[in-house]
Structures are given as C-alpha cells and as structure tokens.
N, C-alpha and C. Protein backbone atom coordinates (compact mmCIF):
# COMPACT_ATOMS: atom_id res chain seq x y z
N MET A 1 0.81 -1.07 -0.07
CA MET A 1 -0.13 0.14 -0.08
C MET A 1 0.77 1.21 0.12
N GLU A 2 0.50 2.28 -1.04
CA GLU A 2 1.35 3.31 -0.96
C GLU A 2 0.80 4.39 -0.03
N PRO A 3 1.74 4.90 0.77
CA PRO A 3 1.26 6.21 1.37
C PRO A 3 0.51 7.37 0.62
N ILE A 4 -0.52 7.94 1.26
CA ILE A 4 -1.05 9.05 0.41
C ILE A 4 -0.43 10.43 0.88
N ILE A 5 -0.13 10.44 1.97
CA ILE A 5 0.47 11.74 2.43
C ILE A 5 1.43 12.26 1.40
N ASN A 6 1.53 13.22 1.00
CA ASN A 6 2.34 14.06 -0.16
C ASN A 6 2.00 13.44 -1.45
N ALA A 7 1.14 12.47 -1.74
CA ALA A 7 0.90 11.77 -2.86
C ALA A 7 0.14 13.17 -3.63
N GLN A 8 0.31 13.07 -5.16
CA GLN A 8 -0.11 13.95 -6.00
C GLN A 8 -1.28 13.76 -6.15
N LEU A 9 -2.39 14.89 -6.32
CA LEU A 9 -3.73 14.78 -6.75
C LEU A 9 -3.64 14.08 -8.13
N PRO A 10 -4.68 13.20 -8.32
CA PRO A 10 -4.60 12.55 -9.67
C PRO A 10 -5.43 13.47 -10.77
N GLU A 11 -5.42 13.47 -11.95
CA GLU A 11 -6.08 13.94 -12.82
C GLU A 11 -7.48 13.47 -12.96
N PHE A 12 -8.46 14.27 -13.09
CA PHE A 12 -9.70 13.84 -12.95
C PHE A 12 -10.61 15.06 -13.53
N LYS A 13 -11.84 14.57 -14.15
CA LYS A 13 -12.80 15.52 -14.62
C LYS A 13 -14.09 14.85 -14.33
N VAL A 14 -15.04 15.70 -13.64
CA VAL A 14 -16.14 15.05 -12.90
C VAL A 14 -17.29 16.00 -13.05
N GLN A 15 -18.46 15.64 -12.92
CA GLN A 15 -19.54 16.37 -12.82
C GLN A 15 -19.84 16.91 -11.39
N ALA A 16 -20.55 17.93 -11.23
CA ALA A 16 -20.86 18.41 -9.83
C ALA A 16 -22.16 19.11 -9.77
N PHE A 17 -22.70 19.09 -8.77
CA PHE A 17 -23.99 20.11 -8.65
C PHE A 17 -23.47 21.20 -7.36
N HIS A 18 -23.64 22.43 -7.94
CA HIS A 18 -23.30 23.45 -7.18
C HIS A 18 -23.93 24.73 -7.49
N ASN A 19 -24.53 25.34 -6.58
CA ASN A 19 -25.51 26.52 -6.31
C ASN A 19 -26.44 26.44 -7.39
N GLY A 20 -27.19 25.32 -7.51
CA GLY A 20 -28.43 25.03 -8.43
C GLY A 20 -28.24 24.69 -9.76
N ALA A 21 -26.90 24.50 -10.16
CA ALA A 21 -26.56 24.12 -11.35
C ALA A 21 -25.54 23.00 -11.61
N PHE A 22 -25.40 22.35 -12.95
CA PHE A 22 -24.38 21.28 -13.05
C PHE A 22 -23.21 22.05 -13.62
N LYS A 23 -22.05 21.79 -13.19
CA LYS A 23 -20.62 21.98 -13.78
C LYS A 23 -19.80 20.96 -13.76
N THR A 24 -18.74 21.27 -14.60
CA THR A 24 -17.53 20.14 -14.53
C THR A 24 -16.58 20.74 -13.59
N VAL A 25 -15.75 19.94 -12.86
CA VAL A 25 -14.89 19.97 -11.92
C VAL A 25 -13.54 19.19 -12.25
N THR A 26 -12.25 19.75 -12.63
CA THR A 26 -11.20 19.04 -12.85
C THR A 26 -9.96 19.34 -12.01
N ASN A 27 -9.05 18.63 -12.10
CA ASN A 27 -8.01 18.66 -11.30
C ASN A 27 -7.12 20.19 -11.50
N GLU A 28 -7.54 20.72 -12.91
CA GLU A 28 -6.98 21.91 -13.19
C GLU A 28 -7.66 23.12 -12.47
N ASP A 29 -8.66 23.00 -11.91
CA ASP A 29 -9.39 23.98 -11.13
C ASP A 29 -8.99 24.22 -9.77
N LEU A 30 -8.06 23.13 -9.28
CA LEU A 30 -7.52 23.21 -7.91
C LEU A 30 -6.03 23.78 -8.05
N LYS A 31 -5.45 23.89 -9.04
CA LYS A 31 -4.21 24.46 -8.95
C LYS A 31 -3.79 25.91 -8.51
N GLY A 32 -3.06 25.78 -7.54
CA GLY A 32 -2.64 26.98 -6.67
C GLY A 32 -3.70 27.40 -5.77
N LYS A 33 -4.52 26.23 -5.26
CA LYS A 33 -5.39 26.52 -4.10
C LYS A 33 -5.57 25.44 -3.26
N TRP A 34 -6.00 25.60 -2.02
CA TRP A 34 -6.32 24.60 -0.93
C TRP A 34 -7.65 23.91 -1.35
N ALA A 35 -7.50 22.79 -1.04
CA ALA A 35 -9.01 21.98 -1.27
C ALA A 35 -9.10 20.85 -0.42
N ILE A 36 -10.21 20.63 0.13
CA ILE A 36 -10.58 19.30 0.94
C ILE A 36 -11.57 18.43 0.11
N PHE A 37 -11.42 17.22 -0.05
CA PHE A 37 -12.17 16.23 -0.39
C PHE A 37 -12.92 15.63 0.62
N PHE A 38 -14.05 15.66 0.62
CA PHE A 38 -14.98 15.08 1.82
C PHE A 38 -15.78 13.97 1.26
N PHE A 39 -15.32 12.72 1.33
CA PHE A 39 -15.96 11.41 0.66
C PHE A 39 -16.83 10.99 1.89
N TYR A 40 -18.18 10.62 1.11
CA TYR A 40 -19.02 10.10 2.04
C TYR A 40 -20.06 8.84 1.26
N PRO A 41 -20.48 7.94 1.98
CA PRO A 41 -20.86 6.84 1.15
C PRO A 41 -21.99 7.12 0.10
N ALA A 42 -22.95 7.79 0.68
CA ALA A 42 -24.22 8.11 -0.21
C ALA A 42 -25.21 9.13 -0.04
N ASP A 43 -25.83 9.66 -0.92
CA ASP A 43 -26.94 10.42 -0.55
C ASP A 43 -28.19 9.74 0.06
N PHE A 44 -28.96 10.43 0.46
CA PHE A 44 -30.10 9.93 1.02
C PHE A 44 -29.84 8.99 2.11
N THR A 45 -28.94 9.14 2.87
CA THR A 45 -28.55 8.19 4.05
C THR A 45 -28.66 8.96 5.42
N PHE A 46 -28.09 8.35 6.35
CA PHE A 46 -28.26 9.14 7.64
C PHE A 46 -27.43 9.85 8.47
N VAL A 47 -26.02 9.26 8.53
CA VAL A 47 -24.92 10.08 9.23
C VAL A 47 -24.59 10.93 7.80
N CYS A 48 -24.50 10.71 6.88
CA CYS A 48 -24.07 11.85 5.66
C CYS A 48 -24.52 13.12 5.73
N PRO A 49 -25.91 13.46 5.94
CA PRO A 49 -26.53 14.69 5.81
C PRO A 49 -25.83 15.42 7.08
N THR A 50 -25.85 14.72 8.27
CA THR A 50 -25.25 15.41 9.50
C THR A 50 -23.82 15.98 9.34
N GLU A 51 -23.07 15.26 8.72
CA GLU A 51 -21.64 15.49 8.25
C GLU A 51 -21.65 16.81 7.33
N LEU A 52 -22.48 16.50 6.31
CA LEU A 52 -22.50 17.85 5.41
C LEU A 52 -22.87 19.05 5.71
N VAL A 53 -23.90 18.99 6.53
CA VAL A 53 -24.44 20.13 7.28
C VAL A 53 -23.34 20.75 8.33
N ASP A 54 -22.74 19.75 9.02
CA ASP A 54 -21.56 20.36 9.95
C ASP A 54 -20.50 21.10 8.92
N MET A 55 -20.08 20.40 7.87
CA MET A 55 -19.30 21.10 6.94
C MET A 55 -19.92 22.58 6.38
N ALA A 56 -21.15 22.49 6.06
CA ALA A 56 -21.76 23.55 5.61
C ALA A 56 -21.76 24.74 6.47
N GLU A 57 -21.82 24.69 7.84
CA GLU A 57 -22.07 25.59 8.83
C GLU A 57 -20.35 26.09 8.97
N LYS A 58 -19.49 25.52 8.41
CA LYS A 58 -18.10 26.11 8.54
C LYS A 58 -17.54 26.41 7.30
N TYR A 59 -18.29 26.34 6.37
CA TYR A 59 -17.91 26.65 5.05
C TYR A 59 -17.22 28.09 4.84
N GLU A 60 -17.73 28.99 5.35
CA GLU A 60 -17.22 30.42 5.37
C GLU A 60 -16.00 30.38 5.94
N GLN A 61 -15.74 29.73 7.00
CA GLN A 61 -14.51 29.76 7.52
C GLN A 61 -13.52 29.09 6.57
N PHE A 62 -13.87 28.03 6.19
CA PHE A 62 -12.86 27.25 5.26
C PHE A 62 -12.65 28.29 4.18
N GLN A 63 -13.55 28.86 3.47
CA GLN A 63 -13.25 29.88 2.43
C GLN A 63 -12.29 31.01 2.92
N ALA A 64 -12.73 31.38 4.21
CA ALA A 64 -11.73 32.66 4.63
C ALA A 64 -10.46 32.22 4.61
N LEU A 65 -10.08 31.06 4.72
CA LEU A 65 -8.54 30.53 4.81
C LEU A 65 -8.27 30.27 3.15
N GLY A 66 -9.08 30.63 2.32
CA GLY A 66 -8.67 30.19 0.98
C GLY A 66 -8.74 28.77 0.45
N VAL A 67 -9.72 27.86 1.23
CA VAL A 67 -9.84 26.45 1.17
C VAL A 67 -11.20 26.38 0.48
N GLU A 68 -11.39 25.56 -0.60
CA GLU A 68 -12.76 25.14 -1.39
C GLU A 68 -12.81 23.69 -0.74
N VAL A 69 -14.33 23.44 -0.39
CA VAL A 69 -14.53 22.20 0.08
C VAL A 69 -15.44 21.64 -1.13
N TYR A 70 -14.96 20.17 -1.39
CA TYR A 70 -15.62 19.30 -2.36
C TYR A 70 -16.06 18.23 -1.56
N SER A 71 -17.52 17.96 -1.45
CA SER A 71 -18.05 16.81 -1.00
C SER A 71 -18.07 15.67 -2.29
N VAL A 72 -17.76 14.44 -1.81
CA VAL A 72 -17.63 13.74 -3.01
C VAL A 72 -18.47 12.15 -2.63
N SER A 73 -19.37 11.59 -3.66
CA SER A 73 -19.85 10.48 -3.34
C SER A 73 -19.96 9.87 -4.69
N THR A 74 -20.26 8.29 -4.56
CA THR A 74 -20.30 7.71 -6.14
C THR A 74 -21.73 7.78 -6.48
N ASP A 75 -22.42 8.83 -6.19
CA ASP A 75 -23.75 8.92 -6.61
C ASP A 75 -23.68 10.03 -7.86
N SER A 76 -24.67 10.10 -8.84
CA SER A 76 -24.59 11.14 -9.84
C SER A 76 -24.72 12.53 -9.33
N HIS A 77 -24.47 13.46 -10.44
CA HIS A 77 -24.94 14.89 -10.12
C HIS A 77 -26.41 15.13 -10.10
N PHE A 78 -27.06 14.25 -10.77
CA PHE A 78 -28.51 14.35 -10.88
C PHE A 78 -29.12 13.74 -9.46
N VAL A 79 -28.58 12.88 -8.63
CA VAL A 79 -28.88 12.60 -7.48
C VAL A 79 -28.49 13.51 -6.45
N HIS A 80 -27.23 14.18 -6.54
CA HIS A 80 -27.04 15.34 -5.76
C HIS A 80 -28.01 16.19 -5.74
N LYS A 81 -28.58 16.67 -6.98
CA LYS A 81 -29.58 17.66 -7.15
C LYS A 81 -31.14 17.17 -6.45
N ALA A 82 -31.26 15.90 -6.81
CA ALA A 82 -32.56 15.45 -6.38
C ALA A 82 -32.41 15.38 -4.58
N TRP A 83 -31.30 14.99 -4.13
CA TRP A 83 -31.13 15.29 -2.61
C TRP A 83 -31.38 16.44 -2.09
N HIS A 84 -30.83 17.41 -2.78
CA HIS A 84 -30.59 19.13 -2.48
C HIS A 84 -32.17 19.45 -2.67
N ASP A 85 -33.06 18.95 -3.49
CA ASP A 85 -34.36 19.56 -3.53
C ASP A 85 -35.07 18.96 -2.71
N ALA A 86 -35.08 17.50 -2.25
CA ALA A 86 -35.87 16.95 -1.30
C ALA A 86 -35.46 17.20 0.26
N SER A 87 -34.17 17.67 0.58
CA SER A 87 -33.77 17.90 1.88
C SER A 87 -33.54 19.20 2.38
N GLU A 88 -34.28 19.68 3.43
CA GLU A 88 -34.00 21.12 3.93
C GLU A 88 -32.49 21.13 4.40
N SER A 89 -32.01 19.82 4.94
CA SER A 89 -30.54 19.99 5.42
C SER A 89 -29.57 20.35 4.29
N ILE A 90 -29.86 19.57 3.36
CA ILE A 90 -28.83 19.76 1.99
C ILE A 90 -28.93 20.97 1.64
N ARG A 91 -30.23 21.64 1.38
CA ARG A 91 -30.20 22.93 0.63
C ARG A 91 -29.40 24.04 1.33
N LYS A 92 -28.68 23.75 2.65
CA LYS A 92 -27.84 24.65 3.42
C LYS A 92 -26.48 24.45 2.69
N ILE A 93 -26.26 23.50 1.82
CA ILE A 93 -24.71 23.27 1.33
C ILE A 93 -24.60 24.23 0.23
N LYS A 94 -23.44 24.94 0.36
CA LYS A 94 -22.88 26.15 -0.67
C LYS A 94 -21.76 25.76 -1.57
N TYR A 95 -21.14 24.53 -0.98
CA TYR A 95 -19.89 23.99 -1.65
C TYR A 95 -20.20 22.92 -2.90
N PRO A 96 -19.59 22.72 -3.64
CA PRO A 96 -19.79 21.65 -4.96
C PRO A 96 -19.75 20.36 -4.43
N MET A 97 -20.75 19.67 -4.71
CA MET A 97 -21.04 18.43 -4.56
C MET A 97 -20.56 17.38 -5.51
N LEU A 98 -19.45 16.89 -5.69
CA LEU A 98 -18.92 16.28 -6.86
C LEU A 98 -19.46 14.73 -6.90
N ALA A 99 -19.64 14.42 -8.12
CA ALA A 99 -20.26 13.07 -8.58
C ALA A 99 -18.98 12.13 -8.95
N ASP A 100 -19.27 11.03 -8.63
CA ASP A 100 -18.07 10.05 -8.89
C ASP A 100 -18.58 8.64 -9.16
N PRO A 101 -19.69 8.46 -9.99
CA PRO A 101 -20.14 7.22 -10.35
C PRO A 101 -19.18 6.09 -10.68
N THR A 102 -18.17 6.45 -11.35
CA THR A 102 -17.08 5.60 -11.80
C THR A 102 -16.40 5.03 -10.80
N GLY A 103 -16.19 5.67 -9.68
CA GLY A 103 -15.50 5.55 -8.75
C GLY A 103 -13.86 6.02 -8.95
N LEU A 104 -13.46 7.13 -9.75
CA LEU A 104 -12.25 7.39 -10.27
C LEU A 104 -11.52 7.97 -8.94
N LEU A 105 -12.22 8.97 -8.43
CA LEU A 105 -11.83 9.75 -7.41
C LEU A 105 -11.65 8.84 -6.22
N SER A 106 -12.71 8.04 -5.79
CA SER A 106 -12.73 7.15 -4.77
C SER A 106 -11.74 6.21 -4.56
N ARG A 107 -11.49 5.51 -5.76
CA ARG A 107 -10.12 4.55 -5.77
C ARG A 107 -8.78 5.41 -5.78
N ALA A 108 -8.77 6.65 -6.41
CA ALA A 108 -7.40 7.53 -6.26
C ALA A 108 -7.15 7.84 -4.81
N PHE A 109 -8.15 8.16 -4.07
CA PHE A 109 -8.19 8.44 -2.62
C PHE A 109 -7.94 7.27 -1.65
N GLY A 110 -8.18 5.87 -2.31
CA GLY A 110 -8.03 4.96 -1.53
C GLY A 110 -9.31 4.47 -0.65
N VAL A 111 -10.50 5.03 -0.93
CA VAL A 111 -11.60 5.07 -0.16
C VAL A 111 -13.01 4.08 -0.80
N MET A 112 -12.58 3.43 -1.89
CA MET A 112 -13.68 2.80 -2.62
C MET A 112 -13.76 1.56 -1.91
N ILE A 113 -15.12 1.17 -1.59
CA ILE A 113 -15.46 -0.19 -1.32
C ILE A 113 -16.02 -0.79 -2.51
N GLU A 114 -15.40 -1.64 -2.99
CA GLU A 114 -15.46 -2.31 -4.44
C GLU A 114 -16.90 -2.91 -4.24
N GLU A 115 -17.06 -3.78 -3.26
CA GLU A 115 -18.38 -4.74 -3.43
C GLU A 115 -19.46 -3.75 -2.98
N ASP A 116 -19.39 -2.83 -2.51
CA ASP A 116 -20.64 -1.79 -2.19
C ASP A 116 -21.03 -0.62 -3.25
N GLY A 117 -19.77 -0.38 -4.07
CA GLY A 117 -19.84 0.66 -5.12
C GLY A 117 -19.98 1.96 -4.33
N MET A 118 -19.43 2.03 -3.18
CA MET A 118 -19.24 3.32 -2.63
C MET A 118 -18.11 3.57 -1.73
N ALA A 119 -18.11 4.83 -1.07
CA ALA A 119 -16.85 5.15 -0.40
C ALA A 119 -17.00 5.31 1.00
N TYR A 120 -15.69 4.87 1.60
CA TYR A 120 -15.81 4.98 3.01
C TYR A 120 -15.66 6.57 3.30
N ARG A 121 -15.83 6.82 4.47
CA ARG A 121 -15.80 8.41 4.90
C ARG A 121 -14.14 8.79 4.95
N GLY A 122 -13.91 9.50 3.87
CA GLY A 122 -12.51 10.04 3.71
C GLY A 122 -12.43 11.36 3.91
N THR A 123 -11.55 12.28 4.38
CA THR A 123 -11.27 13.60 4.41
C THR A 123 -9.89 13.62 3.97
N PHE A 124 -9.81 14.60 2.94
CA PHE A 124 -8.47 14.75 2.44
C PHE A 124 -7.90 16.58 2.32
N LEU A 125 -7.01 16.69 2.73
CA LEU A 125 -6.69 18.25 2.36
C LEU A 125 -5.32 18.11 1.42
N VAL A 126 -5.74 18.99 0.22
CA VAL A 126 -4.89 19.08 -0.89
C VAL A 126 -4.20 20.46 -0.75
N ASN A 127 -2.74 20.62 -0.84
CA ASN A 127 -2.34 21.92 -0.92
C ASN A 127 -2.23 22.51 -2.30
N PRO A 128 -1.76 23.87 -2.42
CA PRO A 128 -1.95 24.39 -3.67
C PRO A 128 -0.94 23.78 -4.78
N GLU A 129 -0.09 22.96 -4.20
CA GLU A 129 1.03 22.32 -5.39
C GLU A 129 0.28 20.97 -5.61
N GLY A 130 -1.05 20.73 -5.06
CA GLY A 130 -1.58 19.19 -5.54
C GLY A 130 -1.37 18.09 -4.85
N ARG A 131 -0.63 18.36 -3.62
CA ARG A 131 -0.04 17.18 -2.46
C ARG A 131 -1.10 17.04 -1.44
N VAL A 132 -1.30 15.82 -0.99
CA VAL A 132 -2.21 15.53 -0.16
C VAL A 132 -1.23 15.91 1.13
N LYS A 133 -2.03 16.60 2.02
CA LYS A 133 -1.21 16.84 3.54
C LYS A 133 -2.03 16.45 4.58
N ILE A 134 -3.19 16.30 4.57
CA ILE A 134 -4.02 15.44 5.55
C ILE A 134 -4.82 14.52 5.18
N ALA A 135 -4.93 13.18 5.72
CA ALA A 135 -5.58 12.19 5.20
C ALA A 135 -6.33 11.33 6.36
N GLU A 136 -7.62 11.16 6.29
CA GLU A 136 -8.36 10.50 7.54
C GLU A 136 -9.60 9.64 6.76
N ILE A 137 -9.38 8.59 7.14
CA ILE A 137 -10.38 7.46 6.61
C ILE A 137 -10.86 6.76 7.87
N GLN A 138 -12.36 6.68 7.80
CA GLN A 138 -12.99 5.95 8.87
C GLN A 138 -14.00 5.03 8.38
N ASP A 139 -14.26 4.29 9.33
CA ASP A 139 -15.82 3.37 8.86
C ASP A 139 -16.98 4.22 8.89
N ASN A 140 -18.11 3.63 7.79
CA ASN A 140 -19.09 4.43 7.46
C ASN A 140 -19.91 4.84 8.89
N SER A 141 -19.83 4.05 9.81
CA SER A 141 -20.85 4.47 11.05
C SER A 141 -20.45 5.34 11.83
N ILE A 142 -19.13 6.00 11.64
CA ILE A 142 -18.59 7.08 12.51
C ILE A 142 -18.47 8.42 11.71
N GLY A 143 -19.36 9.16 12.26
CA GLY A 143 -19.29 10.67 11.91
C GLY A 143 -18.24 11.22 12.10
N ARG A 144 -17.74 12.58 11.34
CA ARG A 144 -16.94 13.37 11.42
C ARG A 144 -16.98 14.71 12.00
N ASN A 145 -16.14 15.64 12.29
CA ASN A 145 -16.32 16.92 12.99
C ASN A 145 -15.66 17.80 12.34
N ALA A 146 -16.24 18.61 11.78
CA ALA A 146 -15.90 19.89 10.86
C ALA A 146 -14.86 20.70 11.87
N ASP A 147 -15.27 21.02 13.07
CA ASP A 147 -14.42 21.94 14.12
C ASP A 147 -13.03 21.24 14.14
N GLU A 148 -12.88 20.09 14.23
CA GLU A 148 -11.46 19.28 14.26
C GLU A 148 -10.92 19.46 12.93
N LEU A 149 -11.61 19.23 11.88
CA LEU A 149 -10.95 19.43 10.43
C LEU A 149 -10.55 20.66 10.41
N LEU A 150 -11.29 21.78 10.70
CA LEU A 150 -11.09 23.03 10.53
C LEU A 150 -9.62 23.44 11.41
N ARG A 151 -9.65 22.76 12.59
CA ARG A 151 -8.24 23.17 13.34
C ARG A 151 -7.08 22.52 12.42
N LYS A 152 -7.13 21.20 12.13
CA LYS A 152 -6.12 20.73 11.34
C LYS A 152 -5.81 21.33 10.12
N VAL A 153 -6.71 21.93 9.43
CA VAL A 153 -6.55 22.79 8.29
C VAL A 153 -5.58 24.06 8.66
N GLU A 154 -6.13 24.56 9.57
CA GLU A 154 -5.28 25.93 10.03
C GLU A 154 -3.93 25.49 10.21
N ALA A 155 -3.62 24.46 11.05
CA ALA A 155 -2.23 23.90 11.39
C ALA A 155 -1.45 23.62 10.04
N ALA A 156 -1.93 22.92 8.94
CA ALA A 156 -1.44 22.74 7.70
C ALA A 156 -1.10 24.03 6.93
N ILE A 157 -1.83 25.07 6.83
CA ILE A 157 -1.63 26.05 6.27
C ILE A 157 -0.40 26.98 7.19
N PHE A 158 -0.72 26.92 8.43
CA PHE A 158 0.47 27.52 9.24
C PHE A 158 1.80 27.09 8.85
N VAL A 159 1.91 25.67 9.01
CA VAL A 159 3.42 25.05 8.71
C VAL A 159 3.43 25.38 7.03
N ALA A 160 2.88 25.29 6.33
CA ALA A 160 3.14 25.55 4.94
C ALA A 160 3.62 26.99 4.74
N ASN A 161 3.18 28.04 5.68
CA ASN A 161 3.60 29.47 5.57
C ASN A 161 4.92 29.54 6.54
N HIS A 162 5.06 28.73 7.51
CA HIS A 162 6.22 28.76 8.51
C HIS A 162 6.89 27.43 8.27
N PRO A 163 7.69 27.28 7.59
CA PRO A 163 8.36 25.92 7.36
C PRO A 163 9.39 25.43 8.63
N ASN A 164 9.73 26.46 9.60
CA ASN A 164 10.58 25.96 10.33
C ASN A 164 9.84 25.70 11.80
N GLU A 165 8.39 25.63 11.64
CA GLU A 165 7.75 25.58 12.97
C GLU A 165 6.90 24.38 12.61
N VAL A 166 6.45 23.72 13.87
CA VAL A 166 5.60 22.75 13.92
C VAL A 166 4.23 23.15 14.88
N CYS A 167 3.18 22.14 14.89
CA CYS A 167 2.10 22.46 15.53
C CYS A 167 2.10 21.38 16.35
N PRO A 168 2.03 21.55 17.77
CA PRO A 168 1.89 20.33 18.78
C PRO A 168 0.33 20.19 18.99
N ALA A 169 -0.03 19.03 19.72
CA ALA A 169 -1.26 18.37 19.90
C ALA A 169 -2.03 19.46 20.09
N LYS A 170 -3.34 19.41 19.76
CA LYS A 170 -4.34 20.45 20.29
C LYS A 170 -4.01 21.98 19.89
N TRP A 171 -2.91 22.23 18.98
CA TRP A 171 -2.78 23.54 18.51
C TRP A 171 -3.94 24.24 18.09
N LYS A 172 -3.98 25.22 18.53
CA LYS A 172 -5.35 26.25 17.84
C LYS A 172 -4.41 27.46 17.41
N GLN A 173 -5.22 28.14 16.33
CA GLN A 173 -4.61 29.30 15.87
C GLN A 173 -4.29 30.38 16.69
N GLY A 174 -3.17 31.04 16.70
CA GLY A 174 -2.82 32.06 17.63
C GLY A 174 -1.86 31.57 18.95
N THR A 175 -2.09 29.99 18.90
CA THR A 175 -1.21 29.60 20.41
C THR A 175 0.26 29.33 19.80
N GLU A 176 1.09 28.95 20.78
CA GLU A 176 2.41 28.83 20.47
C GLU A 176 2.70 27.44 19.60
N THR A 177 3.75 27.61 18.90
CA THR A 177 4.21 26.45 17.99
C THR A 177 5.50 25.96 18.59
N LEU A 178 6.01 25.12 17.94
CA LEU A 178 7.48 24.58 18.25
C LEU A 178 8.43 24.79 17.15
N LYS A 179 9.91 24.91 17.62
CA LYS A 179 10.84 24.89 16.51
C LYS A 179 11.59 24.05 16.74
N PRO A 180 11.48 23.00 15.82
CA PRO A 180 12.51 21.98 16.09
C PRO A 180 13.88 22.38 16.02
N SER A 181 14.61 21.62 17.23
CA SER A 181 16.04 21.76 17.20
C SER A 181 16.60 20.80 18.18
N ILE A 182 17.97 20.69 18.32
CA ILE A 182 18.36 19.77 19.16
C ILE A 182 18.13 20.28 20.48
N ASP A 183 17.95 21.42 20.72
CA ASP A 183 17.70 21.92 22.30
C ASP A 183 16.33 21.30 22.75
N LEU A 184 15.25 21.00 21.82
CA LEU A 184 14.14 20.46 22.23
C LEU A 184 14.10 18.98 22.45
N VAL A 185 15.12 18.25 22.27
CA VAL A 185 15.21 17.01 22.16
C VAL A 185 15.16 16.58 23.85
N GLY A 186 14.07 15.70 24.25
CA GLY A 186 13.76 15.39 25.66
C GLY A 186 13.53 16.24 26.70
N LYS A 187 13.26 17.56 26.06
CA LYS A 187 12.72 18.47 26.94
C LYS A 187 11.05 18.87 26.77
N ILE A 188 10.62 18.14 26.17
CA ILE A 188 9.13 18.25 25.79
C ILE A 188 8.39 17.06 26.60
C-alpha cells in the first residue's frame, strides 16, 4: 500500500452540483488552491447529511482560509440535485458536490468499497501544489467533526507558511508552536 500523504492529486474530470447548477470540475480547477475532498458513502442516508451540514456551517470559515470544500460520493450529479431538492438540510450546502459514479476519485484516494460501489468516509486536504497533506479514513458508521478538521487545516496552512515551525497536539490558531532543534530533544 502506497502512503497517500504527499501523494499528487490525480488527473480527473467529474460532474458536480453546485449552487443550483451542474458544472464540470477538474484537477486543473484546483491548481494553486487549498482543497478539501470530503468523501461520504451515499446521498439519502443517515450520518452523511449530519456531516455535510456540519461542513456547510463551517464553509465560510474554510473559504476565509482560502480552502474550497468538495463533497464526493459515487452518486451522480443528478442524485445530488434530487437530494438537494428533497432535503432542507442539504439545501444549506454552498460547496460543490462532486459526482464520482465511476469511482475514479474514490479509488485514487483509497476509499472505494468495491463490493458496495461506494466510498468510506475519507477526508483529504490538498495543498496548492496538489499534494495531500491531511488524510483521514474511517468506517461509515462514525461521523466526522468539522471543527476538528478546521483546526487541522489551520495547522497545515500555518506550517506551509512557516516551514521552520511545527504545531503540537491540540494546537489552535494564535497559540504557541514549536521550532524543532536539538535543544528541544527530550525537553518536551
């Protein structure tokens, strides 16, 4: 199994439902930008809408950091629209909902469940150079937390902008970081 951290974003071209319209999204659209890929098993399910709404409620904060959020399932863009039209919760979503019916993205990120034709819950942060900096995959019965993802994204952006510093456990924006050196060895 190849590690996904620092792996290059694959080439892709998928359909999406975004702001009431269908559009095409490609890897070229992400060049020079931070992006979150937020995989979930399927539309019209139980845990998924709670997570997608949680992300929707933090979307402006991700946007303020210069990060675009892309939710991804193996449903088609038509199903995304139908879910949006049928669900008051899903109507809150302002970020693009990517359609991955062929499983291209799900396989590229290592979250495809082949026998079910859907993805595990996978969360990936891709930096402006197209490299995966955060990867988290969990079983489909366990929901995620957008607050914790936001904290990790802030840390990833901070260390990208401050290459001589690292963020300790529970680091939050504005708190102290560490500057790795021999002086710190055994002192923490």
